[in-house]
């Protein structure tokens, strides 16, 4: 499989099972947080297995009047309230606002950020879809999801 195929956006008619791991995250961001989001196939370099595993990613943009820190705190609070729980052995990067959560059979790493960080086509498209109004700032969320794995411990 070529890299271009791995990173190609998925069409509504050809969604492999791995994209399902991003469905709950995408629904949360578009329904609860009113963000614009795109889902793409991806491979995840899993620290627990030392292998690259099939997965997916969600790139999303939203607007806020709370500022980035306030929005990130609210984002994770609402994520928990909607049924997501912390993964076993989360191995987070809280200083980077990256936290791992589990829902159903999926493990997802969520990262809330301010200015453009990824410089991908998906990030540009979602940012263009969410233009801030007066008193608002745009923020992004990048999520990588894969099948849930047992704790490494």
N, C-alpha and C. Protein backbone atom coordinates (compact mmCIF):
# COMPACT_ATOMS: atom_id res chain seq x y z
N UNK A 1 0.85 -1.17 0.00
CA UNK A 1 0.00 0.00 0.00
C UNK A 1 0.89 1.23 0.00
N UNK A 2 0.57 2.17 -0.85
CA UNK A 2 1.39 3.38 -0.95
C UNK A 2 1.00 4.38 0.12
N UNK A 3 1.91 5.29 0.42
CA UNK A 3 1.64 6.33 1.40
C UNK A 3 0.46 7.18 0.96
N UNK A 4 0.36 7.47 -0.33
CA UNK A 4 -0.74 8.29 -0.83
C UNK A 4 -2.08 7.63 -0.52
N UNK A 5 -2.15 6.31 -0.62
CA UNK A 5 -3.39 5.61 -0.34
C UNK A 5 -3.70 5.65 1.15
N UNK A 6 -2.71 5.52 1.99
CA UNK A 6 -2.91 5.54 3.43
C UNK A 6 -3.46 6.89 3.89
N UNK A 7 -3.00 7.97 3.30
CA UNK A 7 -3.40 9.30 3.74
C UNK A 7 -4.56 9.87 2.95
N UNK A 8 -5.05 9.15 1.95
CA UNK A 8 -6.13 9.67 1.12
C UNK A 8 -7.42 9.79 1.93
N UNK A 9 -8.17 10.88 1.74
CA UNK A 9 -9.45 11.00 2.43
C UNK A 9 -10.38 9.88 2.01
N UNK A 10 -11.26 9.49 2.90
CA UNK A 10 -12.18 8.40 2.64
C UNK A 10 -13.47 8.93 2.05
N UNK A 11 -13.99 8.23 1.08
CA UNK A 11 -15.29 8.62 0.54
C UNK A 11 -16.38 7.95 1.36
N UNK A 12 -17.58 8.46 1.25
CA UNK A 12 -18.70 7.92 2.02
C UNK A 12 -19.03 6.50 1.60
N UNK A 13 -18.64 6.09 0.38
CA UNK A 13 -18.98 4.76 -0.09
C UNK A 13 -17.87 3.74 0.12
N UNK A 14 -16.68 4.16 0.51
CA UNK A 14 -15.58 3.21 0.70
C UNK A 14 -14.92 3.43 2.06
N UNK A 15 -15.65 3.15 3.11
CA UNK A 15 -15.12 3.38 4.45
C UNK A 15 -14.68 2.07 5.07
N UNK A 16 -13.37 1.84 5.19
CA UNK A 16 -12.92 0.62 5.83
C UNK A 16 -13.25 0.65 7.32
N UNK A 17 -13.20 -0.50 7.93
CA UNK A 17 -13.54 -0.63 9.33
C UNK A 17 -12.73 0.31 10.21
N UNK A 18 -11.49 0.59 9.86
CA UNK A 18 -10.65 1.46 10.70
C UNK A 18 -11.21 2.86 10.83
N UNK A 19 -11.94 3.36 9.83
CA UNK A 19 -12.52 4.69 9.94
C UNK A 19 -13.57 4.72 11.04
N UNK A 20 -14.19 3.61 11.34
CA UNK A 20 -15.20 3.55 12.39
C UNK A 20 -14.62 3.98 13.73
N UNK A 21 -13.32 3.81 13.93
CA UNK A 21 -12.69 4.21 15.19
C UNK A 21 -12.73 5.73 15.38
N UNK A 22 -12.92 6.48 14.31
CA UNK A 22 -12.99 7.94 14.41
C UNK A 22 -14.43 8.46 14.45
N UNK A 23 -15.40 7.60 14.24
CA UNK A 23 -16.79 8.05 14.14
C UNK A 23 -17.28 8.76 15.39
N UNK A 24 -17.06 8.18 16.55
CA UNK A 24 -17.55 8.80 17.79
C UNK A 24 -16.85 10.13 18.05
N UNK A 25 -15.56 10.21 17.77
CA UNK A 25 -14.82 11.46 17.96
C UNK A 25 -15.34 12.53 17.00
N UNK A 26 -15.55 12.17 15.76
CA UNK A 26 -16.07 13.13 14.78
C UNK A 26 -17.47 13.60 15.18
N UNK A 27 -18.34 12.67 15.59
CA UNK A 27 -19.69 13.06 16.02
C UNK A 27 -19.65 14.01 17.21
N UNK A 28 -18.78 13.72 18.19
CA UNK A 28 -18.66 14.60 19.35
C UNK A 28 -18.27 16.01 18.91
N UNK A 29 -17.27 16.10 18.06
CA UNK A 29 -16.78 17.42 17.67
C UNK A 29 -17.79 18.18 16.81
N UNK A 30 -18.47 17.49 15.91
CA UNK A 30 -19.42 18.20 15.04
C UNK A 30 -20.75 18.46 15.74
N UNK A 31 -21.23 17.54 16.55
CA UNK A 31 -22.53 17.73 17.21
C UNK A 31 -22.43 18.52 18.52
N UNK A 32 -21.55 18.09 19.42
CA UNK A 32 -21.44 18.73 20.73
C UNK A 32 -20.67 20.04 20.66
N UNK A 33 -19.55 20.06 19.98
CA UNK A 33 -18.68 21.24 19.96
C UNK A 33 -18.89 22.13 18.73
N UNK A 34 -19.77 21.71 17.81
CA UNK A 34 -20.11 22.51 16.62
C UNK A 34 -18.89 22.87 15.78
N UNK A 35 -17.99 21.90 15.65
CA UNK A 35 -16.77 22.09 14.86
C UNK A 35 -16.99 21.56 13.45
N UNK A 36 -16.13 21.94 12.54
CA UNK A 36 -16.09 21.35 11.20
C UNK A 36 -14.95 20.34 11.23
N UNK A 37 -15.20 19.12 10.76
CA UNK A 37 -14.20 18.05 10.89
C UNK A 37 -14.08 17.24 9.60
N UNK A 38 -12.88 16.70 9.40
CA UNK A 38 -12.60 15.76 8.30
C UNK A 38 -11.95 14.52 8.89
N UNK A 39 -12.34 13.35 8.36
CA UNK A 39 -11.76 12.07 8.78
C UNK A 39 -10.94 11.51 7.63
N UNK A 40 -9.75 11.02 7.96
CA UNK A 40 -8.87 10.40 6.96
C UNK A 40 -8.28 9.12 7.54
N UNK A 41 -7.91 8.23 6.65
CA UNK A 41 -7.17 7.04 7.08
C UNK A 41 -5.80 7.46 7.57
N UNK A 42 -5.23 6.63 8.43
CA UNK A 42 -3.89 6.93 8.95
C UNK A 42 -3.28 5.64 9.46
N UNK A 43 -2.00 5.67 9.74
CA UNK A 43 -1.35 4.60 10.48
C UNK A 43 -0.82 5.22 11.76
N UNK A 44 -0.92 4.46 12.83
CA UNK A 44 -0.55 4.95 14.15
C UNK A 44 0.69 4.19 14.62
N UNK A 45 1.73 4.92 15.01
CA UNK A 45 2.93 4.30 15.56
C UNK A 45 2.64 4.03 17.04
N UNK A 46 2.25 2.79 17.36
CA UNK A 46 1.80 2.46 18.71
C UNK A 46 2.96 2.13 19.64
N UNK A 47 3.08 2.89 20.71
CA UNK A 47 4.17 2.71 21.67
C UNK A 47 4.01 1.41 22.46
N UNK A 48 2.78 0.90 22.59
CA UNK A 48 2.56 -0.33 23.38
C UNK A 48 3.07 -1.57 22.66
N UNK A 49 2.89 -1.58 21.33
CA UNK A 49 3.28 -2.76 20.55
C UNK A 49 4.59 -2.56 19.79
N UNK A 50 5.00 -1.30 19.63
CA UNK A 50 6.18 -1.02 18.82
C UNK A 50 5.91 -1.21 17.34
N UNK A 51 4.62 -1.26 16.95
CA UNK A 51 4.25 -1.49 15.55
C UNK A 51 3.43 -0.32 15.02
N UNK A 52 3.38 -0.21 13.72
CA UNK A 52 2.49 0.74 13.06
C UNK A 52 1.18 0.01 12.81
N UNK A 53 0.09 0.58 13.34
CA UNK A 53 -1.21 -0.07 13.25
C UNK A 53 -2.18 0.79 12.43
N UNK A 54 -3.12 0.15 11.75
CA UNK A 54 -4.09 0.93 10.98
C UNK A 54 -5.00 1.72 11.91
N UNK A 55 -5.35 2.90 11.48
CA UNK A 55 -6.24 3.75 12.26
C UNK A 55 -6.80 4.85 11.40
N UNK A 56 -7.14 5.94 12.04
CA UNK A 56 -7.70 7.08 11.33
C UNK A 56 -7.38 8.34 12.12
N UNK A 57 -7.64 9.46 11.49
CA UNK A 57 -7.42 10.74 12.16
C UNK A 57 -8.56 11.69 11.82
N UNK A 58 -8.82 12.57 12.77
CA UNK A 58 -9.83 13.60 12.59
C UNK A 58 -9.13 14.95 12.75
N UNK A 59 -9.31 15.81 11.79
CA UNK A 59 -8.80 17.18 11.87
C UNK A 59 -10.03 18.07 11.95
N UNK A 60 -10.10 18.91 12.99
CA UNK A 60 -11.30 19.72 13.19
C UNK A 60 -10.93 21.15 13.57
N UNK A 61 -11.85 22.06 13.27
CA UNK A 61 -11.68 23.46 13.65
C UNK A 61 -12.97 23.97 14.24
N UNK A 62 -12.83 24.80 15.25
CA UNK A 62 -13.98 25.43 15.88
C UNK A 62 -13.64 26.86 16.24
N UNK A 63 -14.60 27.57 16.78
CA UNK A 63 -14.37 28.93 17.24
C UNK A 63 -14.80 29.04 18.69
N UNK A 64 -14.16 29.94 19.42
CA UNK A 64 -14.44 30.11 20.84
C UNK A 64 -14.30 31.56 21.25
N UNK A 65 -15.00 31.91 22.33
CA UNK A 65 -14.81 33.21 22.96
C UNK A 65 -14.11 33.05 24.30
N UNK A 66 -13.78 31.81 24.69
CA UNK A 66 -13.17 31.50 25.99
C UNK A 66 -11.65 31.59 26.00
N UNK A 67 -11.02 31.64 24.86
CA UNK A 67 -9.57 31.51 24.78
C UNK A 67 -9.21 30.03 24.74
N UNK A 68 -7.99 29.74 24.32
CA UNK A 68 -7.58 28.36 24.11
C UNK A 68 -7.59 27.51 25.38
N UNK A 69 -7.03 28.03 26.48
CA UNK A 69 -6.99 27.25 27.72
C UNK A 69 -8.39 26.93 28.22
N UNK A 70 -9.27 27.92 28.21
CA UNK A 70 -10.64 27.70 28.66
C UNK A 70 -11.39 26.73 27.76
N UNK A 71 -11.16 26.85 26.46
CA UNK A 71 -11.83 25.95 25.51
C UNK A 71 -11.32 24.53 25.65
N UNK A 72 -10.01 24.37 25.84
CA UNK A 72 -9.45 23.02 26.02
C UNK A 72 -10.03 22.36 27.26
N UNK A 73 -10.11 23.11 28.38
CA UNK A 73 -10.68 22.56 29.61
C UNK A 73 -12.13 22.14 29.40
N UNK A 74 -12.91 23.00 28.74
CA UNK A 74 -14.30 22.67 28.46
C UNK A 74 -14.41 21.48 27.51
N UNK A 75 -13.55 21.44 26.51
CA UNK A 75 -13.56 20.34 25.53
C UNK A 75 -13.41 19.01 26.25
N UNK A 76 -12.40 18.88 27.11
CA UNK A 76 -12.17 17.61 27.80
C UNK A 76 -13.25 17.31 28.83
N UNK A 77 -13.80 18.34 29.45
CA UNK A 77 -14.92 18.14 30.38
C UNK A 77 -16.13 17.58 29.65
N UNK A 78 -16.47 18.17 28.51
CA UNK A 78 -17.60 17.69 27.70
C UNK A 78 -17.33 16.31 27.12
N UNK A 79 -16.08 16.04 26.74
CA UNK A 79 -15.72 14.72 26.21
C UNK A 79 -16.01 13.64 27.26
N UNK A 80 -15.58 13.87 28.50
CA UNK A 80 -15.85 12.93 29.59
C UNK A 80 -17.35 12.78 29.82
N UNK A 81 -18.07 13.88 29.82
CA UNK A 81 -19.52 13.86 30.07
C UNK A 81 -20.27 13.09 28.98
N UNK A 82 -19.69 13.02 27.79
CA UNK A 82 -20.36 12.32 26.69
C UNK A 82 -20.02 10.83 26.62
N UNK A 83 -19.29 10.33 27.63
CA UNK A 83 -19.05 8.88 27.70
C UNK A 83 -17.64 8.41 27.42
N UNK A 84 -16.72 9.30 27.12
CA UNK A 84 -15.33 8.92 26.91
C UNK A 84 -14.65 8.76 28.26
N UNK A 85 -13.78 7.76 28.39
CA UNK A 85 -13.01 7.54 29.61
C UNK A 85 -11.53 7.50 29.27
N UNK A 86 -10.71 7.74 30.27
CA UNK A 86 -9.26 7.70 30.05
C UNK A 86 -8.84 6.28 29.69
N UNK A 87 -7.85 6.15 28.83
CA UNK A 87 -7.35 4.84 28.44
C UNK A 87 -6.44 4.29 29.53
N UNK A 88 -6.29 2.95 29.61
CA UNK A 88 -5.29 2.42 30.54
C UNK A 88 -3.90 2.85 30.04
N UNK A 89 -2.99 3.08 30.94
CA UNK A 89 -1.64 3.55 30.56
C UNK A 89 -1.74 4.71 29.56
N UNK A 90 -2.36 5.83 29.93
CA UNK A 90 -2.65 6.85 28.93
C UNK A 90 -1.44 7.46 28.24
N UNK A 91 -0.30 7.56 28.91
CA UNK A 91 0.91 8.14 28.32
C UNK A 91 0.61 9.43 27.57
N UNK A 92 0.04 10.36 28.30
CA UNK A 92 -0.40 11.64 27.75
C UNK A 92 0.75 12.63 27.63
N UNK A 93 0.43 13.75 27.04
CA UNK A 93 1.33 14.90 27.00
C UNK A 93 0.52 16.11 27.44
N UNK A 94 0.16 16.20 28.75
CA UNK A 94 -0.76 17.26 29.19
C UNK A 94 -0.24 18.67 28.97
N UNK A 95 1.06 18.88 28.98
CA UNK A 95 1.58 20.22 28.71
C UNK A 95 1.36 20.62 27.26
N UNK A 96 1.07 19.65 26.42
CA UNK A 96 0.76 19.91 25.01
C UNK A 96 -0.73 19.80 24.76
N UNK A 97 -1.54 19.66 25.81
CA UNK A 97 -2.99 19.51 25.73
C UNK A 97 -3.38 18.27 24.94
N UNK A 98 -2.59 17.20 25.06
CA UNK A 98 -2.89 15.93 24.40
C UNK A 98 -3.26 14.89 25.45
N UNK A 99 -4.46 14.34 25.33
CA UNK A 99 -4.93 13.34 26.27
C UNK A 99 -5.55 12.17 25.52
N UNK A 100 -5.37 10.96 26.07
CA UNK A 100 -5.90 9.73 25.45
C UNK A 100 -7.18 9.30 26.13
N UNK A 101 -8.18 8.99 25.30
CA UNK A 101 -9.48 8.55 25.78
C UNK A 101 -9.93 7.31 25.03
N UNK A 102 -10.87 6.59 25.64
CA UNK A 102 -11.42 5.37 25.06
C UNK A 102 -12.93 5.46 25.05
N UNK A 103 -13.50 4.96 23.98
CA UNK A 103 -14.95 4.81 23.90
C UNK A 103 -15.22 3.61 23.02
N UNK A 104 -16.04 2.70 23.55
CA UNK A 104 -16.31 1.48 22.80
C UNK A 104 -15.01 0.74 22.55
N UNK A 105 -14.76 0.36 21.35
CA UNK A 105 -13.54 -0.37 21.00
C UNK A 105 -12.46 0.49 20.41
N UNK A 106 -12.49 1.80 20.70
CA UNK A 106 -11.53 2.72 20.10
C UNK A 106 -10.73 3.49 21.15
N UNK A 107 -9.45 3.63 20.91
CA UNK A 107 -8.56 4.48 21.70
C UNK A 107 -8.19 5.67 20.82
N UNK A 108 -8.34 6.89 21.38
CA UNK A 108 -8.06 8.10 20.60
C UNK A 108 -7.20 9.06 21.40
N UNK A 109 -6.22 9.64 20.74
CA UNK A 109 -5.40 10.70 21.31
C UNK A 109 -5.95 12.01 20.77
N UNK A 110 -6.43 12.87 21.68
CA UNK A 110 -6.99 14.18 21.33
C UNK A 110 -5.95 15.24 21.62
N UNK A 111 -5.78 16.19 20.69
CA UNK A 111 -4.88 17.31 20.89
C UNK A 111 -5.61 18.59 20.52
N UNK A 112 -5.76 19.49 21.50
CA UNK A 112 -6.39 20.80 21.29
C UNK A 112 -5.27 21.82 21.11
N UNK A 113 -5.37 22.64 20.05
CA UNK A 113 -4.30 23.60 19.78
C UNK A 113 -4.85 24.89 19.20
N UNK A 114 -4.01 25.90 19.18
CA UNK A 114 -4.40 27.22 18.69
C UNK A 114 -4.10 27.41 17.23
N UNK A 115 -3.05 28.12 16.92
CA UNK A 115 -2.69 28.42 15.54
C UNK A 115 -2.38 27.16 14.74
N UNK A 116 -2.36 27.30 13.42
CA UNK A 116 -2.06 26.17 12.53
C UNK A 116 -0.82 25.44 13.03
N UNK A 117 -0.94 24.14 13.13
CA UNK A 117 0.11 23.31 13.69
C UNK A 117 0.55 22.23 12.72
N UNK A 118 -0.40 21.68 11.98
CA UNK A 118 -0.13 20.51 11.15
C UNK A 118 0.32 20.86 9.74
N UNK A 119 -0.16 21.98 9.22
CA UNK A 119 0.14 22.42 7.86
C UNK A 119 -0.24 21.37 6.82
N UNK A 120 -1.40 20.71 7.04
CA UNK A 120 -1.91 19.73 6.10
C UNK A 120 -3.07 20.34 5.32
N UNK A 121 -3.43 19.70 4.22
CA UNK A 121 -4.57 20.16 3.43
C UNK A 121 -5.85 20.09 4.26
N UNK A 122 -6.01 19.02 5.05
CA UNK A 122 -7.21 18.89 5.88
C UNK A 122 -7.30 20.02 6.89
N UNK A 123 -6.18 20.39 7.52
CA UNK A 123 -6.20 21.48 8.48
C UNK A 123 -6.60 22.79 7.79
N UNK A 124 -6.10 23.02 6.62
CA UNK A 124 -6.44 24.24 5.88
C UNK A 124 -7.92 24.27 5.53
N UNK A 125 -8.47 23.13 5.08
CA UNK A 125 -9.88 23.09 4.71
C UNK A 125 -10.80 23.33 5.91
N UNK A 126 -10.53 22.68 7.03
CA UNK A 126 -11.41 22.86 8.19
C UNK A 126 -11.27 24.27 8.76
N UNK A 127 -10.07 24.83 8.73
CA UNK A 127 -9.87 26.20 9.22
C UNK A 127 -10.65 27.19 8.36
N UNK A 128 -10.64 26.98 7.05
CA UNK A 128 -11.38 27.88 6.16
C UNK A 128 -12.88 27.77 6.39
N UNK A 129 -13.35 26.61 6.83
CA UNK A 129 -14.78 26.39 7.08
C UNK A 129 -15.25 27.01 8.39
N UNK A 130 -14.34 27.35 9.28
CA UNK A 130 -14.69 27.93 10.58
C UNK A 130 -13.98 29.27 10.77
N UNK A 131 -14.53 30.29 10.16
CA UNK A 131 -13.96 31.63 10.27
C UNK A 131 -14.48 32.29 11.54
N UNK A 132 -13.59 32.81 12.39
CA UNK A 132 -14.05 33.46 13.61
C UNK A 132 -14.75 34.79 13.33
N UNK A 133 -15.76 35.06 14.14
CA UNK A 133 -16.46 36.33 14.07
C UNK A 133 -15.85 37.29 15.09
N UNK A 134 -16.47 38.44 15.28
CA UNK A 134 -15.98 39.41 16.26
C UNK A 134 -15.93 38.79 17.67
N UNK A 135 -14.79 38.94 18.33
CA UNK A 135 -14.63 38.42 19.69
C UNK A 135 -14.35 36.93 19.77
N UNK A 136 -14.24 36.26 18.63
CA UNK A 136 -13.98 34.81 18.60
C UNK A 136 -12.56 34.54 18.11
N UNK A 137 -12.02 33.40 18.50
CA UNK A 137 -10.76 32.90 17.96
C UNK A 137 -10.99 31.48 17.49
N UNK A 138 -10.26 31.11 16.47
CA UNK A 138 -10.35 29.75 15.95
C UNK A 138 -9.36 28.87 16.71
N UNK A 139 -9.75 27.61 16.92
CA UNK A 139 -8.86 26.62 17.51
C UNK A 139 -9.02 25.32 16.74
N UNK A 140 -8.05 24.44 16.90
CA UNK A 140 -8.09 23.16 16.20
C UNK A 140 -8.03 22.00 17.18
N UNK A 141 -8.52 20.87 16.71
CA UNK A 141 -8.39 19.61 17.44
C UNK A 141 -7.93 18.57 16.43
N UNK A 142 -6.88 17.85 16.79
CA UNK A 142 -6.37 16.75 15.97
C UNK A 142 -6.51 15.48 16.80
N UNK A 143 -7.10 14.45 16.20
CA UNK A 143 -7.37 13.20 16.91
C UNK A 143 -6.83 12.05 16.08
N UNK A 144 -6.13 11.12 16.73
CA UNK A 144 -5.69 9.88 16.10
C UNK A 144 -6.34 8.73 16.84
N UNK A 145 -7.05 7.86 16.10
CA UNK A 145 -7.79 6.76 16.72
C UNK A 145 -7.37 5.42 16.10
N UNK A 146 -7.49 4.40 16.92
CA UNK A 146 -7.20 3.03 16.50
C UNK A 146 -7.98 2.08 17.39
N UNK A 147 -7.91 0.80 17.10
CA UNK A 147 -8.59 -0.19 17.93
C UNK A 147 -8.02 -0.14 19.35
N UNK A 148 -8.91 -0.26 20.33
CA UNK A 148 -8.49 -0.25 21.73
C UNK A 148 -7.59 -1.47 22.01
N UNK A 149 -6.54 -1.22 22.78
CA UNK A 149 -5.61 -2.28 23.16
C UNK A 149 -5.57 -2.42 24.67
N UNK A 150 -5.23 -3.59 25.17
CA UNK A 150 -5.11 -3.73 26.62
C UNK A 150 -3.94 -2.91 27.16
N UNK A 151 -3.97 -2.65 28.46
CA UNK A 151 -2.88 -1.91 29.10
C UNK A 151 -1.57 -2.66 28.92
N UNK A 152 -0.49 -1.90 28.80
CA UNK A 152 0.82 -2.51 28.61
C UNK A 152 1.33 -3.12 29.92
N UNK A 153 1.02 -2.42 31.04
CA UNK A 153 1.45 -2.77 32.37
C UNK A 153 1.68 -4.19 32.60
